[in-house]
Amino acid sequence: MIAQALTLAGSDSGGGAGIQADLKTFQALGVYGTSVITSVTAQNSAGIAQAFDLPIPLIESQLRAVLDDFSVGAAKTGMLGNAQTIGAVSKILQEKKLKNVVVDPVMVSSSGFKLLEENSIEVLKKALLPLALLVTPNFSEAEVLSGLHIDSLAKMEEAAKAIHRLGPLVLIKGGHAPFRQGSDLFWDGTKFQWIEGEYIEGKKIHGAGCTYSAAITANLALGKSLHLAIEDAKKYTENAIHSSLSVGRGLESLNHFSL
């Protein structure tokens, strides 16, 4: 049977991020993708004009429909939008005892549009993160989740430990960090490891975070160890950035099928 994965995220009408990027990534890596749409956005390469969070019963119905039928080997969450959605999703994930959950704690889009209500942070930390195998915050998201101002590598490590105390293993992405750019810090609860990568100059990209977490999820669904899933996802995402597509007037989109 083909490996199967699930993404719970917002729809990007421009196709560069969110559900669309996740499903492209799953397909490129040989995994059958299923989806739960949490929000619909009107966006293109220049930014997001509007977002509408779907009703909770519809989100719950989508999630139950998928989990009642498919053999989901791994799942990821992206844009969840509000506390009510986070709570509903967390309840069903816990009920179904789904393993290999990767949380991409999406808070703000690449263009600066707020994608998560501020009053949802505590629900994310208390309800969803304890169910996750891995959380993949970028630099600013790691500051929010840890409550720390990260101004050094030592503070970055301290933040990873603080987030880990909420439940999951932690991968802090370094693309937006002022130091060691391009490499990511992984804390497995025992030791730190840098996932080395290249900081690609001159690229203004949309959807890299979604793609990275989706690739990790796909690799977990394929049965890879977490560490190998992260390393292979890092390489895949860098390749997709190198061959990015200028398909609009704004940010470039990753080429998900450039392997």
C-alpha atoms as a PDB file:
ATOM      1  CA  MET A   1       0.000   0.000   0.000  1.00  0.00           C
ATOM      2  CA  ILE A   2       1.224   3.477  -0.838  1.00  0.00           C
ATOM      3  CA  ALA A   3       2.271   5.641   2.113  1.00  0.00           C
ATOM      4  CA  GLN A   4      -0.371   8.197   3.096  1.00  0.00           C
ATOM      5  CA  ALA A   5      -0.082  11.566   4.816  1.00  0.00           C
ATOM      6  CA  LEU A   6      -2.435  14.318   5.938  1.00  0.00           C
ATOM      7  CA  THR A   7      -2.162  18.092   5.945  1.00  0.00           C
ATOM      8  CA  LEU A   8      -4.408  20.367   7.998  1.00  0.00           C
ATOM      9  CA  ALA A   9      -3.879  23.887   6.735  1.00  0.00           C
ATOM     10  CA  GLY A  10      -5.247  26.870   4.864  1.00  0.00           C
ATOM     11  CA  SER A  11      -5.844  27.026   1.136  1.00  0.00           C
ATOM     12  CA  ASP A  12      -3.548  29.296  -0.877  1.00  0.00           C
ATOM     13  CA  SER A  13      -5.300  30.367  -4.070  1.00  0.00           C
ATOM     14  CA  GLY A  14      -1.901  31.271  -5.524  1.00  0.00           C
ATOM     15  CA  GLY A  15      -0.689  27.693  -5.084  1.00  0.00           C
ATOM     16  CA  GLY A  16       2.622  28.523  -3.446  1.00  0.00           C
ATOM     17  CA  ALA A  17       1.989  27.659   0.194  1.00  0.00           C
ATOM     18  CA  GLY A  18      -0.549  26.012   2.479  1.00  0.00           C
ATOM     19  CA  ILE A  19      -2.583  23.007   1.375  1.00  0.00           C
ATOM     20  CA  GLN A  20      -1.438  23.330  -2.226  1.00  0.00           C
ATOM     21  CA  ALA A  21       2.274  23.321  -1.366  1.00  0.00           C
ATOM     22  CA  ASP A  22       1.798  20.437   1.060  1.00  0.00           C
ATOM     23  CA  LEU A  23      -0.004  18.232  -1.464  1.00  0.00           C
ATOM     24  CA  LYS A  24       2.583  18.984  -4.149  1.00  0.00           C
ATOM     25  CA  THR A  25       5.322  17.997  -1.715  1.00  0.00           C
ATOM     26  CA  PHE A  26       3.590  14.759  -0.741  1.00  0.00           C
ATOM     27  CA  GLN A  27       3.147  13.840  -4.410  1.00  0.00           C
ATOM     28  CA  ALA A  28       6.738  14.689  -5.314  1.00  0.00           C
ATOM     29  CA  LEU A  29       8.019  12.415  -2.539  1.00  0.00           C
ATOM     30  CA  GLY A  30       5.799   9.489  -3.499  1.00  0.00           C
ATOM     31  CA  VAL A  31       3.201   9.832  -0.750  1.00  0.00           C
ATOM     32  CA  TYR A  32      -0.573   9.913  -1.220  1.00  0.00           C
ATOM     33  CA  GLY A  33      -1.845  13.191   0.215  1.00  0.00           C
ATOM     34  CA  THR A  34      -5.081  13.859   2.074  1.00  0.00           C
ATOM     35  CA  SER A  35      -6.182  17.230   3.391  1.00  0.00           C
ATOM     36  CA  VAL A  36      -8.329  19.151   5.843  1.00  0.00           C
ATOM     37  CA  ILE A  37      -8.834  22.775   4.848  1.00  0.00           C
ATOM     38  CA  THR A  38      -9.062  25.041   7.878  1.00  0.00           C
ATOM     39  CA  SER A  39      -9.215  28.401   6.143  1.00  0.00           C
ATOM     40  CA  VAL A  40      -9.638  29.824   2.660  1.00  0.00           C
ATOM     41  CA  THR A  41      -7.383  32.686   1.650  1.00  0.00           C
ATOM     42  CA  ALA A  42      -7.502  35.041  -1.297  1.00  0.00           C
ATOM     43  CA  GLN A  43      -3.843  35.403  -2.122  1.00  0.00           C
ATOM     44  CA  ASN A  44      -1.274  35.528  -4.857  1.00  0.00           C
ATOM     45  CA  SER A  45       2.477  35.991  -5.035  1.00  0.00           C
ATOM     46  CA  ALA A  46       2.141  39.584  -3.812  1.00  0.00           C
ATOM     47  CA  GLY A  47       0.302  38.749  -0.584  1.00  0.00           C
ATOM     48  CA  ILE A  48      -2.976  37.861   1.094  1.00  0.00           C
ATOM     49  CA  ALA A  49      -6.030  40.034   0.488  1.00  0.00           C
ATOM     50  CA  GLN A  50      -8.468  38.175   2.720  1.00  0.00           C
ATOM     51  CA  ALA A  51      -8.811  35.034   4.837  1.00  0.00           C
ATOM     52  CA  PHE A  52     -11.890  33.197   6.055  1.00  0.00           C
ATOM     53  CA  ASP A  53     -11.721  30.496   8.733  1.00  0.00           C
ATOM     54  CA  LEU A  54     -14.062  27.617   7.963  1.00  0.00           C
ATOM     55  CA  PRO A  55     -16.781  26.644  10.463  1.00  0.00           C
ATOM     56  CA  ILE A  56     -15.625  24.245  13.172  1.00  0.00           C
ATOM     57  CA  PRO A  57     -18.182  21.493  12.332  1.00  0.00           C
ATOM     58  CA  LEU A  58     -16.952  21.421   8.733  1.00  0.00           C
ATOM     59  CA  ILE A  59     -13.320  21.172   9.831  1.00  0.00           C
ATOM     60  CA  GLU A  60     -14.203  18.370  12.247  1.00  0.00           C
ATOM     61  CA  SER A  61     -16.171  16.564   9.549  1.00  0.00           C
ATOM     62  CA  GLN A  62     -13.269  16.736   7.110  1.00  0.00           C
ATOM     63  CA  LEU A  63     -10.840  15.380   9.691  1.00  0.00           C
ATOM     64  CA  ARG A  64     -13.080  12.517  10.752  1.00  0.00           C
ATOM     65  CA  ALA A  65     -13.796  11.619   7.128  1.00  0.00           C
ATOM     66  CA  VAL A  66     -10.083  11.290   6.398  1.00  0.00           C
ATOM     67  CA  LEU A  67      -9.092   9.437   9.566  1.00  0.00           C
ATOM     68  CA  ASP A  68     -12.061   7.048   9.375  1.00  0.00           C
ATOM     69  CA  ASP A  69     -10.994   5.828   5.936  1.00  0.00           C
ATOM     70  CA  PHE A  70      -7.309   6.377   5.186  1.00  0.00           C
ATOM     71  CA  SER A  71      -4.206   4.844   6.760  1.00  0.00           C
ATOM     72  CA  VAL A  72      -2.521   8.120   7.658  1.00  0.00           C
ATOM     73  CA  GLY A  73       1.083   7.428   8.553  1.00  0.00           C
ATOM     74  CA  ALA A  74       1.929  11.035   9.424  1.00  0.00           C
ATOM     75  CA  ALA A  75       0.160  14.381   9.595  1.00  0.00           C
ATOM     76  CA  LYS A  76       1.115  18.036   9.697  1.00  0.00           C
ATOM     77  CA  THR A  77      -0.685  21.157  10.774  1.00  0.00           C
ATOM     78  CA  GLY A  78      -0.121  24.540   9.193  1.00  0.00           C
ATOM     79  CA  MET A  79      -2.460  27.513   9.342  1.00  0.00           C
ATOM     80  CA  LEU A  80      -5.102  26.828  11.987  1.00  0.00           C
ATOM     81  CA  GLY A  81      -6.322  30.381  12.380  1.00  0.00           C
ATOM     82  CA  ASN A  82      -7.973  30.502  15.786  1.00  0.00           C
ATOM     83  CA  ALA A  83      -8.271  28.868  19.186  1.00  0.00           C
ATOM     84  CA  GLN A  84     -11.520  27.085  18.364  1.00  0.00           C
ATOM     85  CA  THR A  85      -9.972  25.307  15.377  1.00  0.00           C
ATOM     86  CA  ILE A  86      -6.883  24.349  17.369  1.00  0.00           C
ATOM     87  CA  GLY A  87      -9.041  22.929  20.140  1.00  0.00           C
ATOM     88  CA  ALA A  88     -11.271  20.943  17.772  1.00  0.00           C
ATOM     89  CA  VAL A  89      -8.350  19.517  15.811  1.00  0.00           C
ATOM     90  CA  SER A  90      -6.440  18.628  18.984  1.00  0.00           C
ATOM     91  CA  LYS A  91      -9.435  16.799  20.434  1.00  0.00           C
ATOM     92  CA  ILE A  92      -9.836  14.562  17.376  1.00  0.00           C
ATOM     93  CA  LEU A  93      -6.099  13.917  16.987  1.00  0.00           C
ATOM     94  CA  GLN A  94      -5.959  12.827  20.617  1.00  0.00           C
ATOM     95  CA  GLU A  95      -9.083  10.695  20.242  1.00  0.00           C
ATOM     96  CA  LYS A  96      -7.678   8.941  17.164  1.00  0.00           C
ATOM     97  CA  LYS A  97      -4.232   8.597  18.782  1.00  0.00           C
ATOM     98  CA  LEU A  98      -2.568   9.759  15.596  1.00  0.00           C
ATOM     99  CA  LYS A  99       1.200   9.387  15.642  1.00  0.00           C
ATOM    100  CA  ASN A 100       3.872  11.305  13.752  1.00  0.00           C
ATOM    101  CA  VAL A 101       2.193  14.700  14.033  1.00  0.00           C
ATOM    102  CA  VAL A 102       4.329  17.606  12.824  1.00  0.00           C
ATOM    103  CA  VAL A 103       3.213  21.088  13.892  1.00  0.00           C
ATOM    104  CA  ASP A 104       4.267  24.036  11.763  1.00  0.00           C
ATOM    105  CA  PRO A 105       3.090  26.858  14.065  1.00  0.00           C
ATOM    106  CA  VAL A 106       2.119  29.265  11.309  1.00  0.00           C
ATOM    107  CA  MET A 107       1.517  32.740  12.709  1.00  0.00           C
ATOM    108  CA  VAL A 108       2.333  35.267   9.980  1.00  0.00           C
ATOM    109  CA  SER A 109       2.595  34.869   6.198  1.00  0.00           C
ATOM    110  CA  SER A 110       5.716  35.717   4.198  1.00  0.00           C
ATOM    111  CA  SER A 111       4.009  38.963   3.167  1.00  0.00           C
ATOM    112  CA  GLY A 112       3.200  39.900   6.774  1.00  0.00           C
ATOM    113  CA  PHE A 113      -0.483  38.882   6.952  1.00  0.00           C
ATOM    114  CA  LYS A 114      -1.461  37.598  10.407  1.00  0.00           C
ATOM    115  CA  LEU A 115      -2.615  33.961  10.142  1.00  0.00           C
ATOM    116  CA  LEU A 116      -3.186  33.111  13.807  1.00  0.00           C
ATOM    117  CA  GLU A 117      -5.152  35.100  16.365  1.00  0.00           C
ATOM    118  CA  GLU A 118      -2.939  36.174  19.268  1.00  0.00           C
ATOM    119  CA  ASN A 119      -5.285  34.687  21.859  1.00  0.00           C
ATOM    120  CA  SER A 120      -4.728  31.275  20.250  1.00  0.00           C
ATOM    121  CA  ILE A 121      -1.096  30.898  21.284  1.00  0.00           C
ATOM    122  CA  GLU A 122      -1.822  29.424  24.718  1.00  0.00           C
ATOM    123  CA  VAL A 123      -4.287  26.912  23.237  1.00  0.00           C
ATOM    124  CA  LEU A 124      -1.676  25.901  20.680  1.00  0.00           C
ATOM    125  CA  LYS A 125       0.855  25.364  23.464  1.00  0.00           C
ATOM    126  CA  LYS A 126      -1.447  23.520  25.853  1.00  0.00           C
ATOM    127  CA  ALA A 127      -3.694  21.510  23.519  1.00  0.00           C
ATOM    128  CA  LEU A 128      -1.792  20.781  20.304  1.00  0.00           C
ATOM    129  CA  LEU A 129       1.927  20.749  21.072  1.00  0.00           C
ATOM    130  CA  PRO A 130       1.665  17.925  23.646  1.00  0.00           C
ATOM    131  CA  LEU A 131       0.274  15.717  20.837  1.00  0.00           C
ATOM    132  CA  ALA A 132       3.077  16.497  18.400  1.00  0.00           C
ATOM    133  CA  LEU A 133       6.181  14.499  17.636  1.00  0.00           C
ATOM    134  CA  LEU A 134       7.889  17.604  16.246  1.00  0.00           C
ATOM    135  CA  VAL A 135       7.284  21.352  16.076  1.00  0.00           C
ATOM    136  CA  THR A 136       9.039  23.434  13.404  1.00  0.00           C
ATOM    137  CA  PRO A 137       8.973  27.134  14.354  1.00  0.00           C
ATOM    138  CA  ASN A 138      10.914  29.740  12.471  1.00  0.00           C
ATOM    139  CA  PHE A 139      13.004  32.224  14.428  1.00  0.00           C
ATOM    140  CA  SER A 140      10.188  34.624  15.353  1.00  0.00           C
ATOM    141  CA  GLU A 141       7.736  31.795  16.115  1.00  0.00           C
ATOM    142  CA  ALA A 142      10.312  30.235  18.444  1.00  0.00           C
ATOM    143  CA  GLU A 143      10.469  33.521  20.360  1.00  0.00           C
ATOM    144  CA  VAL A 144       6.676  33.550  20.744  1.00  0.00           C
ATOM    145  CA  LEU A 145       6.436  29.909  21.836  1.00  0.00           C
ATOM    146  CA  SER A 146       9.348  30.121  24.274  1.00  0.00           C
ATOM    147  CA  GLY A 147       8.681  33.622  25.574  1.00  0.00           C
ATOM    148  CA  LEU A 148      12.369  34.424  25.076  1.00  0.00           C
ATOM    149  CA  HIS A 149      14.181  37.070  23.081  1.00  0.00           C
ATOM    150  CA  ILE A 150      16.692  35.099  21.031  1.00  0.00           C
ATOM    151  CA  ASP A 151      19.821  37.169  20.506  1.00  0.00           C
ATOM    152  CA  SER A 152      22.490  34.455  20.568  1.00  0.00           C
ATOM    153  CA  LEU A 153      23.049  30.783  19.839  1.00  0.00           C
ATOM    154  CA  ALA A 154      22.852  30.084  23.564  1.00  0.00           C
ATOM    155  CA  LYS A 155      19.420  31.746  23.698  1.00  0.00           C
ATOM    156  CA  MET A 156      18.338  29.727  20.677  1.00  0.00           C
ATOM    157  CA  GLU A 157      19.228  26.547  22.541  1.00  0.00           C
ATOM    158  CA  GLU A 158      17.426  27.800  25.646  1.00  0.00           C
ATOM    159  CA  ALA A 159      14.332  28.504  23.535  1.00  0.00           C
ATOM    160  CA  ALA A 160      14.414  25.003  22.053  1.00  0.00           C
ATOM    161  CA  LYS A 161      14.511  23.495  25.541  1.00  0.00           C
ATOM    162  CA  ALA A 162      11.640  25.713  26.697  1.00  0.00           C
ATOM    163  CA  ILE A 163       9.477  24.681  23.748  1.00  0.00           C
ATOM    164  CA  HIS A 164      10.359  21.020  24.288  1.00  0.00           C
ATOM    165  CA  ARG A 165       8.949  21.257  27.805  1.00  0.00           C
ATOM    166  CA  LEU A 166       5.557  21.769  26.122  1.00  0.00           C
ATOM    167  CA  GLY A 167       5.793  18.252  24.685  1.00  0.00           C
ATOM    168  CA  PRO A 168       7.344  17.906  21.220  1.00  0.00           C
ATOM    169  CA  LEU A 169      10.843  17.605  19.872  1.00  0.00           C
ATOM    170  CA  VAL A 170      11.943  20.913  18.387  1.00  0.00           C
ATOM    171  CA  LEU A 171      13.391  22.059  15.067  1.00  0.00           C
ATOM    172  CA  ILE A 172      14.042  25.816  15.020  1.00  0.00           C
ATOM    173  CA  LYS A 173      14.466  26.912  11.421  1.00  0.00           C
ATOM    174  CA  GLY A 174      17.334  29.300  10.875  1.00  0.00           C
ATOM    175  CA  GLY A 175      16.301  31.047   7.681  1.00  0.00           C
ATOM    176  CA  HIS A 176      15.283  34.203   9.537  1.00  0.00           C
ATOM    177  CA  ALA A 177      17.931  34.018  12.249  1.00  0.00           C
ATOM    178  CA  PRO A 178      20.622  36.726  12.419  1.00  0.00           C
ATOM    179  CA  PHE A 179      23.282  34.040  12.910  1.00  0.00           C
ATOM    180  CA  ARG A 180      24.109  30.718  11.285  1.00  0.00           C
ATOM    181  CA  GLN A 181      21.551  31.446   8.584  1.00  0.00           C
ATOM    182  CA  GLY A 182      20.376  28.511   6.517  1.00  0.00           C
ATOM    183  CA  SER A 183      21.002  25.912   9.232  1.00  0.00           C
ATOM    184  CA  ASP A 184      18.385  24.620  11.666  1.00  0.00           C
ATOM    185  CA  LEU A 185      18.693  23.674  15.326  1.00  0.00           C
ATOM    186  CA  PHE A 186      17.254  20.279  16.326  1.00  0.00           C
ATOM    187  CA  TRP A 187      16.709  19.379  19.988  1.00  0.00           C
ATOM    188  CA  ASP A 188      15.737  15.764  20.638  1.00  0.00           C
ATOM    189  CA  GLY A 189      15.381  16.178  24.381  1.00  0.00           C
ATOM    190  CA  THR A 190      18.911  14.934  25.011  1.00  0.00           C
ATOM    191  CA  LYS A 191      21.283  16.655  22.632  1.00  0.00           C
ATOM    192  CA  PHE A 192      21.448  19.442  20.090  1.00  0.00           C
ATOM    193  CA  GLN A 193      22.252  18.933  16.449  1.00  0.00           C
ATOM    194  CA  TRP A 194      22.581  21.456  13.675  1.00  0.00           C
ATOM    195  CA  ILE A 195      20.907  20.452  10.428  1.00  0.00           C
ATOM    196  CA  GLU A 196      23.355  22.144   8.127  1.00  0.00           C
ATOM    197  CA  GLY A 197      22.072  23.990   5.108  1.00  0.00           C
ATOM    198  CA  GLU A 198      22.773  26.711   2.641  1.00  0.00           C
ATOM    199  CA  TYR A 199      21.493  30.257   2.997  1.00  0.00           C
ATOM    200  CA  ILE A 200      20.426  31.044  -0.542  1.00  0.00           C
ATOM    201  CA  GLU A 201      21.070  34.713  -1.268  1.00  0.00           C
ATOM    202  CA  GLY A 202      18.805  36.788  -3.465  1.00  0.00           C
ATOM    203  CA  LYS A 203      15.754  34.542  -3.259  1.00  0.00           C
ATOM    204  CA  LYS A 204      12.453  36.013  -2.077  1.00  0.00           C
ATOM    205  CA  ILE A 205      10.447  32.867  -1.530  1.00  0.00           C
ATOM    206  CA  HIS A 206       6.871  32.001  -0.618  1.00  0.00           C
ATOM    207  CA  GLY A 207       6.002  28.651   0.963  1.00  0.00           C
ATOM    208  CA  ALA A 208       9.374  27.335   2.126  1.00  0.00           C
ATOM    209  CA  GLY A 209       8.215  26.657   5.690  1.00  0.00           C
ATOM    210  CA  CYS A 210       5.115  24.789   4.538  1.00  0.00           C
ATOM    211  CA  THR A 211       7.170  22.730   2.126  1.00  0.00           C
ATOM    212  CA  TYR A 212       9.836  21.843   4.690  1.00  0.00           C
ATOM    213  CA  SER A 213       7.335  20.603   7.281  1.00  0.00           C
ATOM    214  CA  ALA A 214       5.340  18.769   4.604  1.00  0.00           C
ATOM    215  CA  ALA A 215       8.499  17.022   3.385  1.00  0.00           C
ATOM    216  CA  ILE A 216       9.321  15.925   6.943  1.00  0.00           C
ATOM    217  CA  THR A 217       5.773  14.586   7.247  1.00  0.00           C
ATOM    218  CA  ALA A 218       5.989  12.718   3.949  1.00  0.00           C
ATOM    219  CA  ASN A 219       9.293  11.158   4.961  1.00  0.00           C
ATOM    220  CA  LEU A 220       7.825  10.010   8.271  1.00  0.00           C
ATOM    221  CA  ALA A 221       4.902   8.455   6.391  1.00  0.00           C
ATOM    222  CA  LEU A 222       7.480   6.585   4.298  1.00  0.00           C
ATOM    223  CA  GLY A 223       8.856   5.057   7.502  1.00  0.00           C
ATOM    224  CA  LYS A 224      12.048   7.082   7.826  1.00  0.00           C
ATOM    225  CA  SER A 225      13.470   7.916  11.239  1.00  0.00           C
ATOM    226  CA  LEU A 226      12.804  11.464  12.398  1.00  0.00           C
ATOM    227  CA  HIS A 227      16.409  12.531  11.976  1.00  0.00           C
ATOM    228  CA  LEU A 228      16.619  11.164   8.430  1.00  0.00           C
ATOM    229  CA  ALA A 229      13.192  12.612   7.645  1.00  0.00           C
ATOM    230  CA  ILE A 230      14.457  16.073   8.622  1.00  0.00           C
ATOM    231  CA  GLU A 231      17.753  15.801   6.752  1.00  0.00           C
ATOM    232  CA  ASP A 232      16.125  14.559   3.548  1.00  0.00           C
ATOM    233  CA  ALA A 233      13.406  17.217   3.818  1.00  0.00           C
ATOM    234  CA  LYS A 234      16.079  19.889   4.168  1.00  0.00           C
ATOM    235  CA  LYS A 235      17.758  18.767   0.948  1.00  0.00           C
ATOM    236  CA  TYR A 236      14.442  18.560  -0.899  1.00  0.00           C
ATOM    237  CA  THR A 237      13.413  22.059   0.204  1.00  0.00           C
ATOM    238  CA  GLU A 238      16.763  23.574  -0.767  1.00  0.00           C
ATOM    239  CA  ASN A 239      16.503  22.002  -4.230  1.00  0.00           C
ATOM    240  CA  ALA A 240      12.981  23.384  -4.596  1.00  0.00           C
ATOM    241  CA  ILE A 241      14.245  26.857  -3.622  1.00  0.00           C
ATOM    242  CA  HIS A 242      17.189  26.716  -6.024  1.00  0.00           C
ATOM    243  CA  SER A 243      14.807  25.965  -8.899  1.00  0.00           C
ATOM    244  CA  SER A 244      12.058  28.325  -7.719  1.00  0.00           C
ATOM    245  CA  LEU A 245       9.513  29.647 -10.180  1.00  0.00           C
ATOM    246  CA  SER A 246       8.713  33.268 -10.937  1.00  0.00           C
ATOM    247  CA  VAL A 247       5.039  32.750 -11.704  1.00  0.00           C
ATOM    248  CA  GLY A 248       3.618  36.044 -10.458  1.00  0.00           C
ATOM    249  CA  ARG A 249       4.639  39.620  -9.841  1.00  0.00           C
ATOM    250  CA  GLY A 250       5.669  39.098  -6.214  1.00  0.00           C
ATOM    251  CA  LEU A 251       7.475  36.381  -4.275  1.00  0.00           C
ATOM    252  CA  GLU A 252       8.725  33.321  -6.115  1.00  0.00           C
ATOM    253  CA  SER A 253       7.179  29.911  -5.520  1.00  0.00           C
ATOM    254  CA  LEU A 254       9.137  26.731  -4.888  1.00  0.00           C
ATOM    255  CA  ASN A 255       9.449  24.193  -7.667  1.00  0.00           C
ATOM    256  CA  HIS A 256       8.111  21.176  -5.793  1.00  0.00           C
ATOM    257  CA  PHE A 257       8.806  18.741  -8.605  1.00  0.00           C
ATOM    258  CA  SER A 258      12.500  19.528  -8.994  1.00  0.00           C
ATOM    259  CA  LEU A 259      14.116  16.453  -7.431  1.00  0.00           C
END
